[in-house]
Protein backbone atom coordinates (compact mmCIF):
# COMPACT_ATOMS: atom_id res chain seq x y z
CA MET A 1 -53.12 -20.70 45.68
CA LYS A 2 -54.62 -17.89 43.65
CA ASN A 3 -51.51 -15.72 44.17
CA SER A 4 -49.25 -18.65 43.25
CA LYS A 5 -51.03 -19.18 39.92
CA MET A 6 -50.83 -15.46 39.19
CA PHE A 7 -47.08 -15.47 39.89
CA VAL A 8 -46.51 -18.42 37.54
CA GLY A 9 -48.54 -16.69 34.84
CA ILE A 10 -46.54 -13.49 35.14
CA MET A 11 -43.25 -15.42 34.94
CA LEU A 12 -44.42 -17.21 31.78
CA LEU A 13 -45.39 -13.93 30.15
CA MET A 14 -42.02 -12.37 31.07
CA THR A 15 -40.15 -15.36 29.63
CA LEU A 16 -42.17 -15.22 26.41
CA PHE A 17 -41.62 -11.47 26.12
CA ALA A 18 -37.88 -11.85 26.64
CA ALA A 19 -37.68 -14.61 24.02
CA CYS A 20 -39.62 -12.53 21.50
CA SER A 21 -37.47 -9.49 22.17
CA LYS A 22 -34.31 -11.50 21.64
CA ASP A 23 -35.61 -12.95 18.37
CA ASP A 24 -36.74 -9.56 17.10
CA ASN A 25 -33.31 -7.98 17.66
CA THR A 26 -31.09 -10.75 16.41
CA THR A 27 -30.26 -11.09 12.74
CA PRO A 28 -29.40 -14.72 12.03
CA VAL A 29 -26.02 -15.25 10.39
CA VAL A 30 -26.47 -16.82 6.98
CA GLU A 31 -23.50 -18.63 5.47
CA GLN A 32 -23.45 -19.71 1.85
CA THR A 33 -20.98 -20.83 -0.78
CA VAL A 34 -21.05 -19.24 -4.22
CA THR A 35 -19.49 -20.10 -7.58
CA GLY A 36 -20.08 -18.98 -11.15
CA GLU A 37 -22.86 -16.49 -11.87
CA VAL A 38 -24.27 -14.44 -8.98
CA SER A 39 -26.93 -11.73 -8.65
CA GLY A 40 -29.65 -10.61 -6.28
CA THR A 41 -28.87 -9.65 -2.68
CA TRP A 42 -26.40 -10.91 -0.12
CA THR A 43 -28.28 -10.04 3.02
CA LYS A 44 -27.11 -8.12 6.07
CA GLY A 45 -24.58 -9.97 8.22
CA SER A 46 -24.15 -12.94 5.87
CA ILE A 47 -20.91 -14.83 5.38
CA ILE A 48 -20.27 -15.60 1.71
CA GLN A 49 -17.63 -18.19 0.81
CA VAL A 50 -16.35 -17.61 -2.74
CA LYS A 51 -14.81 -20.77 -4.17
CA THR A 52 -14.24 -19.84 -7.83
CA ASP A 53 -14.28 -16.75 -10.04
CA ILE A 54 -17.76 -15.25 -9.83
CA ILE A 55 -19.59 -13.28 -12.53
CA ILE A 56 -22.44 -10.78 -12.29
CA PRO A 57 -24.08 -11.22 -15.71
CA ALA A 58 -24.83 -8.28 -17.98
CA GLY A 59 -28.28 -6.87 -17.25
CA LYS A 60 -28.28 -8.15 -13.67
CA SER A 61 -27.18 -6.66 -10.35
CA LEU A 62 -25.73 -7.82 -7.06
CA THR A 63 -26.35 -5.86 -3.86
CA ILE A 64 -24.19 -6.60 -0.83
CA GLU A 65 -25.74 -5.30 2.38
CA GLU A 66 -24.03 -3.99 5.50
CA GLY A 67 -22.03 -6.35 7.66
CA VAL A 68 -21.55 -8.99 4.96
CA THR A 69 -18.18 -10.77 4.99
CA VAL A 70 -17.07 -12.15 1.64
CA VAL A 71 -14.34 -14.76 2.16
CA MET A 72 -12.17 -15.58 -0.86
CA ASP A 73 -10.68 -19.03 -1.31
CA THR A 74 -6.89 -18.59 -1.26
CA THR A 75 -6.32 -21.64 -3.46
CA ALA A 76 -8.72 -20.59 -6.23
CA LYS A 77 -7.82 -16.85 -5.79
CA PRO A 78 -11.13 -15.73 -7.29
CA GLU A 79 -11.82 -12.68 -9.42
CA VAL A 80 -15.12 -10.80 -9.14
CA ILE A 81 -16.24 -10.08 -12.72
CA VAL A 82 -18.89 -7.38 -13.01
CA ASN A 83 -20.66 -7.44 -16.37
CA GLY A 84 -23.85 -6.10 -14.75
CA ASN A 85 -24.00 -3.77 -11.75
CA LEU A 86 -22.57 -4.06 -8.24
CA TYR A 87 -23.70 -2.18 -5.14
CA VAL A 88 -21.58 -2.74 -2.03
CA LEU A 89 -23.49 -0.92 0.72
CA GLY A 90 -21.87 -1.19 4.11
CA SER A 91 -22.27 1.20 7.02
CA THR A 92 -19.83 2.89 9.37
CA ALA A 93 -20.67 0.45 12.14
CA ASN A 94 -20.95 -2.59 9.85
CA PRO A 95 -18.76 -2.32 6.75
CA VAL A 96 -18.77 -4.93 4.03
CA LYS A 97 -15.49 -6.84 4.03
CA LEU A 98 -13.98 -8.64 1.02
CA THR A 99 -11.21 -10.64 2.57
CA VAL A 100 -9.57 -14.05 3.03
CA PRO A 101 -9.90 -16.67 5.78
CA GLU A 102 -8.79 -15.39 9.16
CA GLY A 103 -5.77 -17.69 9.24
CA ALA A 104 -4.40 -16.04 6.07
CA ARG A 105 -4.55 -12.51 7.50
CA ILE A 106 -0.97 -12.62 8.70
CA ALA A 107 2.24 -10.61 8.34
CA LYS A 108 3.77 -12.74 5.58
CA ASN A 109 0.73 -11.91 3.42
CA LYS A 110 1.11 -8.17 3.99
CA PHE A 111 0.95 -7.52 0.25
CA GLY A 112 -1.89 -9.92 -0.41
CA LYS A 113 -1.96 -11.66 -3.78
CA LEU A 114 -4.50 -14.11 -2.34
CA TRP A 115 -7.48 -13.26 -4.55
CA GLY A 116 -8.07 -11.19 -7.66
CA GLY A 117 -10.10 -8.00 -7.49
CA ILE A 118 -13.32 -6.41 -8.72
CA LEU A 119 -13.11 -6.16 -12.50
CA ALA A 120 -15.94 -4.24 -14.19
CA SER A 121 -16.31 -4.65 -17.95
CA LYS A 122 -17.74 -2.17 -20.45
CA THR A 123 -21.25 -3.54 -19.84
CA CYS A 124 -21.10 -2.53 -16.17
CA ALA A 125 -23.10 0.69 -15.94
CA GLU A 126 -22.96 1.24 -12.16
CA LEU A 127 -20.57 0.32 -9.38
CA VAL A 128 -20.77 1.58 -5.78
CA LEU A 129 -18.43 0.76 -2.92
CA SER A 130 -19.64 2.46 0.26
CA ASN A 131 -18.13 1.55 3.63
CA ALA A 132 -16.30 -1.43 2.19
CA ILE A 133 -12.95 -3.02 3.05
CA LEU A 134 -10.96 -4.76 0.31
CA GLU A 135 -7.87 -6.57 1.55
CA TYR A 136 -5.21 -9.21 0.78
CA GLY A 137 -5.85 -9.26 -2.97
CA GLY A 138 -4.06 -8.56 -6.23
CA ALA A 139 -3.43 -12.10 -7.44
CA VAL A 140 -1.55 -12.65 -10.68
CA THR A 141 -3.64 -13.48 -13.74
CA THR A 142 -3.21 -16.79 -15.54
CA GLU A 143 -4.50 -18.27 -18.80
CA SER A 144 -7.39 -19.75 -16.81
CA SER A 145 -8.41 -16.43 -15.24
CA THR A 146 -11.89 -15.30 -16.26
CA SER A 147 -10.53 -11.81 -16.94
CA VAL A 148 -8.06 -13.20 -19.47
CA LYS A 149 -10.67 -15.41 -21.13
CA GLN A 150 -13.13 -12.51 -21.42
CA GLY A 151 -10.52 -9.99 -22.57
CA LEU A 152 -10.85 -7.82 -19.46
CA TYR A 153 -8.33 -5.57 -17.70
CA LYS A 154 -5.03 -6.16 -19.53
CA ALA A 155 -6.32 -9.47 -20.92
CA VAL A 156 -3.02 -11.32 -20.52
CA SER A 157 -1.56 -13.66 -17.95
CA GLY A 158 1.12 -12.45 -15.57
CA GLU A 159 -0.58 -9.19 -14.50
CA PHE A 160 -1.56 -8.37 -10.92
CA ASP A 161 -5.27 -7.65 -10.52
CA PRO A 162 -6.14 -4.22 -9.10
CA ALA A 163 -8.69 -3.97 -6.33
CA ILE A 164 -10.98 -2.13 -8.77
CA TRP A 165 -10.87 -1.98 -12.56
CA PHE A 166 -13.58 0.07 -14.28
CA SER A 167 -13.81 0.49 -18.04
CA ASN A 168 -17.17 1.86 -19.19
CA THR A 169 -16.68 5.46 -20.36
CA ALA A 170 -20.45 5.95 -20.03
CA GLY A 171 -20.59 4.21 -16.64
CA LYS A 172 -20.70 5.56 -13.09
CA LEU A 173 -18.37 4.63 -10.23
CA VAL A 174 -18.49 5.84 -6.64
CA MET A 175 -16.15 4.72 -3.86
CA GLN A 176 -16.61 6.37 -0.48
CA ASN A 177 -15.71 5.75 3.16
CA SER A 178 -13.85 2.60 2.16
CA ILE A 179 -10.44 0.99 2.70
CA VAL A 180 -8.04 -0.82 0.38
CA ARG A 181 -5.14 -2.44 2.25
CA TYR A 182 -2.63 -5.29 2.00
CA TRP A 183 -2.77 -5.24 -1.81
CA LYS A 184 -0.13 -6.51 -4.21
CA ASP A 185 0.01 -3.68 -6.77
CA ASP A 186 -2.44 -1.02 -8.04
CA CYS A 187 -5.45 -0.37 -5.84
CA THR A 188 -7.45 1.01 -8.77
CA TYR A 189 -7.03 1.09 -12.53
CA LEU A 190 -9.70 3.24 -14.16
CA GLU A 191 -10.23 3.42 -17.92
CA GLY A 192 -13.55 5.24 -18.12
CA GLY A 193 -16.54 6.60 -16.30
CA SER A 194 -17.96 9.41 -14.20
CA ILE A 195 -16.15 8.83 -10.91
CA ILE A 196 -16.21 10.05 -7.31
CA PHE A 197 -13.59 8.84 -4.81
CA THR A 198 -14.01 10.41 -1.39
CA ASN A 199 -13.14 9.74 2.25
CA ASN A 200 -11.25 6.54 1.51
CA THR A 201 -8.06 5.13 3.03
CA PHE A 202 -5.36 3.31 1.07
CA HIS A 203 -2.45 1.80 2.99
CA THR A 204 0.12 -0.99 2.84
CA THR A 205 -0.23 -1.45 -0.91
CA GLY A 206 2.24 -2.17 -3.68
CA GLU A 207 5.06 -4.61 -3.03
CA SER A 208 7.20 -3.58 -6.00
CA GLY A 209 5.01 -1.10 -7.89
CA GLY A 210 1.53 0.32 -8.00
CA GLU A 211 -0.56 3.40 -7.28
CA ALA A 212 -3.58 4.04 -5.07
CA ILE A 213 -5.66 5.76 -7.78
CA ASN A 214 -4.58 5.19 -11.37
CA ILE A 215 -6.72 7.10 -13.88
CA LYS A 216 -6.58 6.90 -17.68
CA SER A 217 -8.47 8.49 -20.60
CA GLY A 218 -12.24 8.19 -20.64
CA CYS A 219 -12.53 9.26 -16.98
CA VAL A 220 -14.02 12.39 -15.47
CA ALA A 221 -13.34 12.24 -11.74
CA ASP A 222 -13.41 14.03 -8.41
CA VAL A 223 -10.92 12.69 -5.85
CA ALA A 224 -11.24 14.24 -2.40
CA TYR A 225 -10.61 13.71 1.32
CA ASN A 226 -8.66 10.49 0.86
CA LEU A 227 -5.81 9.33 3.09
CA ILE A 228 -3.08 7.59 1.11
CA TYR A 229 -0.24 6.06 3.10
CA SER A 230 2.90 4.42 1.69
CA THR A 231 1.80 3.35 -1.75
CA ASN A 232 4.79 1.84 -3.50
CA THR A 233 4.80 4.53 -6.18
CA ASN A 234 2.34 7.41 -6.55
CA ALA A 235 -0.75 8.18 -4.56
CA LEU A 236 -2.38 9.44 -7.77
CA LYS A 237 -1.28 8.59 -11.29
CA LEU A 238 -3.26 10.78 -13.67
CA SER A 239 -2.96 10.12 -17.39
CA ASN A 240 -4.88 10.57 -20.63
CA SER A 241 -3.33 7.51 -22.21
CA GLY A 242 -5.55 5.12 -24.15
CA ASP A 243 -7.17 7.47 -26.68
CA ARG A 244 -10.65 7.18 -25.20
CA THR A 245 -13.27 9.94 -25.08
CA PRO A 246 -13.73 11.99 -22.98
CA GLN A 247 -10.29 13.37 -22.20
CA ALA A 248 -9.27 12.44 -18.67
CA TYR A 249 -10.19 15.33 -16.37
CA VAL A 250 -9.54 14.98 -12.65
CA VAL A 251 -10.23 17.44 -9.84
CA ALA A 252 -8.24 16.21 -6.82
CA TYR A 253 -8.54 18.21 -3.63
CA ASN A 254 -8.08 17.97 0.13
CA ASN A 255 -6.17 14.69 0.12
CA THR A 256 -3.54 13.71 2.71
CA ILE A 257 -0.61 11.81 1.18
CA VAL A 258 2.10 10.37 3.44
CA ASN A 259 5.31 8.34 2.82
CA THR A 260 4.46 7.48 -0.78
CA GLY A 261 6.97 6.58 -3.48
CA TRP A 262 10.01 5.58 -1.46
CA ARG A 263 9.59 1.83 -1.79
CA ARG A 264 9.60 1.82 -5.60
CA PRO A 265 12.81 0.10 -6.76
CA THR A 266 13.34 2.59 -9.61
CA ILE A 267 12.80 6.34 -9.58
CA LYS A 268 9.53 7.53 -11.09
CA GLY A 269 7.05 9.47 -9.02
CA GLY A 270 6.16 9.64 -5.41
CA SER A 271 3.03 11.69 -4.74
CA ILE A 272 1.01 12.79 -7.79
CA TRP A 273 2.14 11.98 -11.32
CA LEU A 274 0.80 13.77 -14.44
CA GLU A 275 1.25 12.65 -18.03
CA ALA A 276 -0.12 12.32 -21.56
CA SER A 277 -2.29 15.45 -21.75
CA VAL A 278 -4.37 14.68 -18.69
CA ARG A 279 -6.28 17.70 -17.45
CA ALA A 280 -5.77 17.88 -13.70
CA ASP A 281 -6.87 20.51 -11.19
CA LEU A 282 -5.09 19.95 -7.87
CA TYR A 283 -6.02 21.94 -4.78
CA ASN A 284 -5.44 21.73 -1.01
CA ASN A 285 -3.40 18.52 -1.08
CA LEU A 286 -1.05 17.80 1.84
CA MET A 287 2.11 15.82 1.06
CA ALA A 288 4.19 14.71 4.03
CA ASN A 289 7.44 12.80 3.47
CA THR A 290 6.54 11.89 -0.11
CA ARG A 291 9.45 10.98 -2.38
CA PHE A 292 8.76 13.85 -4.79
CA GLY A 293 6.35 16.71 -5.19
CA ILE A 294 3.78 16.76 -8.00
CA LYS A 295 5.74 15.35 -10.90
CA ARG A 296 5.18 15.41 -14.66
CA ASP A 297 6.38 13.33 -17.57
CA VAL A 298 8.43 16.00 -19.36
CA LYS A 299 8.20 14.11 -22.67
CA LYS A 300 4.40 13.72 -22.44
CA PRO A 301 3.24 16.51 -20.10
CA GLU A 302 -0.19 17.39 -18.77
CA ASP A 303 -2.80 19.56 -20.52
CA ASN A 304 -1.78 23.22 -20.20
CA ARG A 305 -5.15 24.10 -18.66
CA SER A 306 -4.21 22.11 -15.56
CA ILE A 307 -4.06 23.94 -12.23
CA VAL A 308 -1.92 23.31 -9.15
CA SER A 309 -2.74 25.39 -6.11
CA ASN A 310 -2.52 25.52 -2.30
CA SER A 311 -0.43 22.40 -1.69
CA LEU A 312 1.47 21.85 1.56
CA TYR A 313 4.81 20.02 1.58
CA TYR A 314 6.62 18.61 4.60
CA GLY A 315 9.79 16.54 4.75
CA TYR A 316 11.64 15.44 7.87
CA THR A 317 14.83 14.75 5.86
CA GLN A 318 16.73 17.19 3.68
CA GLU A 319 16.73 14.62 0.87
CA GLY A 320 12.95 14.60 0.90
CA VAL A 321 12.73 18.40 0.97
CA ASN A 322 15.17 18.73 -1.93
CA GLN A 323 13.08 16.37 -4.07
CA PHE A 324 9.88 18.39 -3.86
CA GLN A 325 11.46 21.69 -4.89
CA PRO A 326 10.02 23.03 -8.18
CA SER A 327 11.93 22.20 -11.37
CA THR A 328 11.18 21.23 -14.96
CA GLU A 329 9.85 17.93 -13.59
CA ILE A 330 8.30 19.09 -10.31
CA LEU A 331 5.35 21.46 -10.65
CA ALA A 332 5.19 24.68 -8.67
CA GLY A 333 1.74 25.67 -7.50
CA LYS A 334 0.08 28.92 -6.63
CA ASN A 335 -0.08 29.71 -2.90
CA ASP A 336 1.86 26.58 -1.94
CA VAL A 337 3.11 26.11 1.62
CA ILE A 338 6.65 24.92 0.92
CA GLY A 339 9.96 25.31 2.71
CA THR A 340 13.58 24.60 1.88
CA LYS A 341 14.83 22.99 5.11
CA ALA A 342 14.07 19.67 6.75
CA GLY A 343 11.24 20.08 9.23
CA ASP A 344 9.72 23.18 7.65
CA ASN A 345 5.92 23.29 7.81
CA ASP A 346 5.31 20.42 10.20
CA PRO A 347 1.58 19.76 9.65
CA LYS A 348 1.11 19.02 13.38
CA PHE A 349 -0.92 15.85 13.07
CA VAL A 350 -2.85 14.81 16.19
CA ASN A 351 -1.04 11.49 16.43
CA TYR A 352 1.52 10.52 13.83
CA PRO A 353 5.31 10.62 14.35
CA VAL A 354 6.44 12.63 11.33
CA ASN A 355 9.93 11.12 11.59
CA THR A 356 8.57 7.65 10.80
CA ASP A 357 10.91 5.90 8.36
CA SER A 358 9.87 6.92 4.85
CA TYR A 359 10.12 3.28 3.72
CA ASN A 360 7.67 2.10 6.37
CA ALA A 361 4.53 0.48 4.98
CA ASP A 362 2.97 -0.72 8.25
CA PHE A 363 -0.08 1.27 9.27
CA SER A 364 -1.30 1.84 12.81
CA SER A 365 -4.99 2.32 13.50
CA SER A 366 -3.99 4.58 16.40
CA TRP A 367 -2.61 7.24 14.05
CA ASP A 368 -4.71 10.34 13.64
CA PHE A 369 -4.06 12.69 10.72
CA HIS A 370 -6.35 15.47 11.93
CA LEU A 371 -4.62 18.80 12.48
CA THR A 372 -3.90 20.48 15.79
CA THR A 373 -4.08 24.17 16.58
CA GLY A 374 -1.23 26.06 14.96
CA SER A 375 -0.88 23.75 11.96
CA PRO A 376 0.39 25.61 8.88
CA ALA A 377 -2.28 23.74 6.90
CA LEU A 378 -5.12 25.56 8.64
CA ASN A 379 -6.82 28.38 6.76
CA LYS A 380 -4.50 27.88 3.78
CA GLY A 381 -6.94 26.07 1.49
CA ILE A 382 -8.98 27.45 -1.39
CA THR A 383 -12.72 26.84 -1.74
CA THR A 384 -13.69 28.75 -4.89
CA PHE A 385 -12.91 26.14 -7.53
CA THR A 386 -15.44 23.98 -9.39
CA ARG A 387 -15.78 20.22 -8.95
CA ASN A 388 -16.93 17.95 -11.74
CA PHE A 389 -19.82 16.49 -9.74
CA LYS A 390 -20.97 19.28 -7.45
CA ASP A 391 -24.53 18.38 -8.42
CA GLY A 392 -23.94 14.68 -7.97
CA ILE A 393 -24.05 11.35 -9.75
CA THR A 394 -27.25 9.31 -9.52
CA ILE A 395 -26.72 5.57 -9.15
CA ASN A 396 -29.53 3.10 -8.48
CA GLY A 397 -31.78 5.99 -7.44
CA GLN A 398 -29.27 7.42 -4.95
CA SER A 399 -27.47 10.75 -5.46
CA TYR A 400 -23.76 10.88 -4.62
CA LYS A 401 -22.18 14.35 -4.54
CA SER A 402 -18.58 15.47 -4.48
CA PRO A 403 -18.08 17.11 -1.08
CA GLU A 404 -17.48 20.81 -0.59
CA PRO A 405 -13.80 21.81 -0.46
CA ALA A 406 -12.34 22.87 2.88
CA SER A 407 -10.47 26.00 3.94
CA TYR A 408 -7.64 23.84 5.29
CA ILE A 409 -5.10 21.75 3.37
CA GLY A 410 -5.35 17.97 3.57
CA ALA A 411 -8.16 15.50 4.23
CA PHE A 412 -8.71 16.32 7.90
CA GLY A 413 -9.18 19.56 9.80
CA VAL A 414 -9.17 20.11 13.54
CA LYS A 415 -11.29 17.65 15.50
């Protein structure tokens, strides 16, 4: 009898311990619906249903923790207006996702247009997107859009919202380890700020126009280690248009740019476009099957202090190779790896068929753009140049630094 009671007691303790352990390790899923003004914290693992345009008021902040899924109503097609500060802080294992209902994530919506974007006004001092996924957006503005009513972005109806618009020349913007995909037009449209874009992926964006990173006057930026696949027009559009201070100055290095520019209905650019006295230092960028090489607006060219160096060009068609040869429009760089025949300088990606149709916009998660042994991109990079934010940008008490350049060309070395 004594042993029987002891056995029952032990079983009760084990059951209680197991229950406590389960409770301690499980984060309850919180689901809430939001409209209008928002601030505070959306806690780890929450599901947030956004039913109308939402606004972070000036002087306030919203923090979105790892694993949060923000679901945009596809009827309302909300915009996220940031008049205060926004910190989107996902993790590698649990990114923050700004998306649409699962049933809308289908092939016919490949170029989104189902919600607006993140639009940060001149009163937004700080914006961070770390380990975030933005998808299926780029809705067209209307007279009832909050951005139009508040005079934000282009302040007119009939424009497609970018994934990110930032406009405070004294503000700070960092986007890292994030993805923009299935977007109608521009992924970003930047009209001011100290900016770092690093280790991001942009793919399947721009149905009839649009760039991955579109920078105007008022911006000082470092753009590094990004993968940009099949943007409709340019991967990077760098311009000093807009007459804002400071002059646009961009250091773009170690980016991998593939299949960009071919889907644009009219000829413009296709990899990196420079115009309107932008100061641009371009190093170690790999361009595979892009429609053109680094191209300038000959009527409004770049600042003459700009530098182009250590680029690698690959084209699997002769048409593609012909279009990245240096000319009055296409910039020649120092120490470029460039051939004259189709197939020259195959970068030897780990897993990407380099003869993929240049017009293809569909992206496979199985592709791997790291380099294999013998790649002509290895040991051909330069590391002695200066980045704008080597010493970092401090946002909300956290320091974000532009990464060191690599001795290889492109965003990825050997695994």
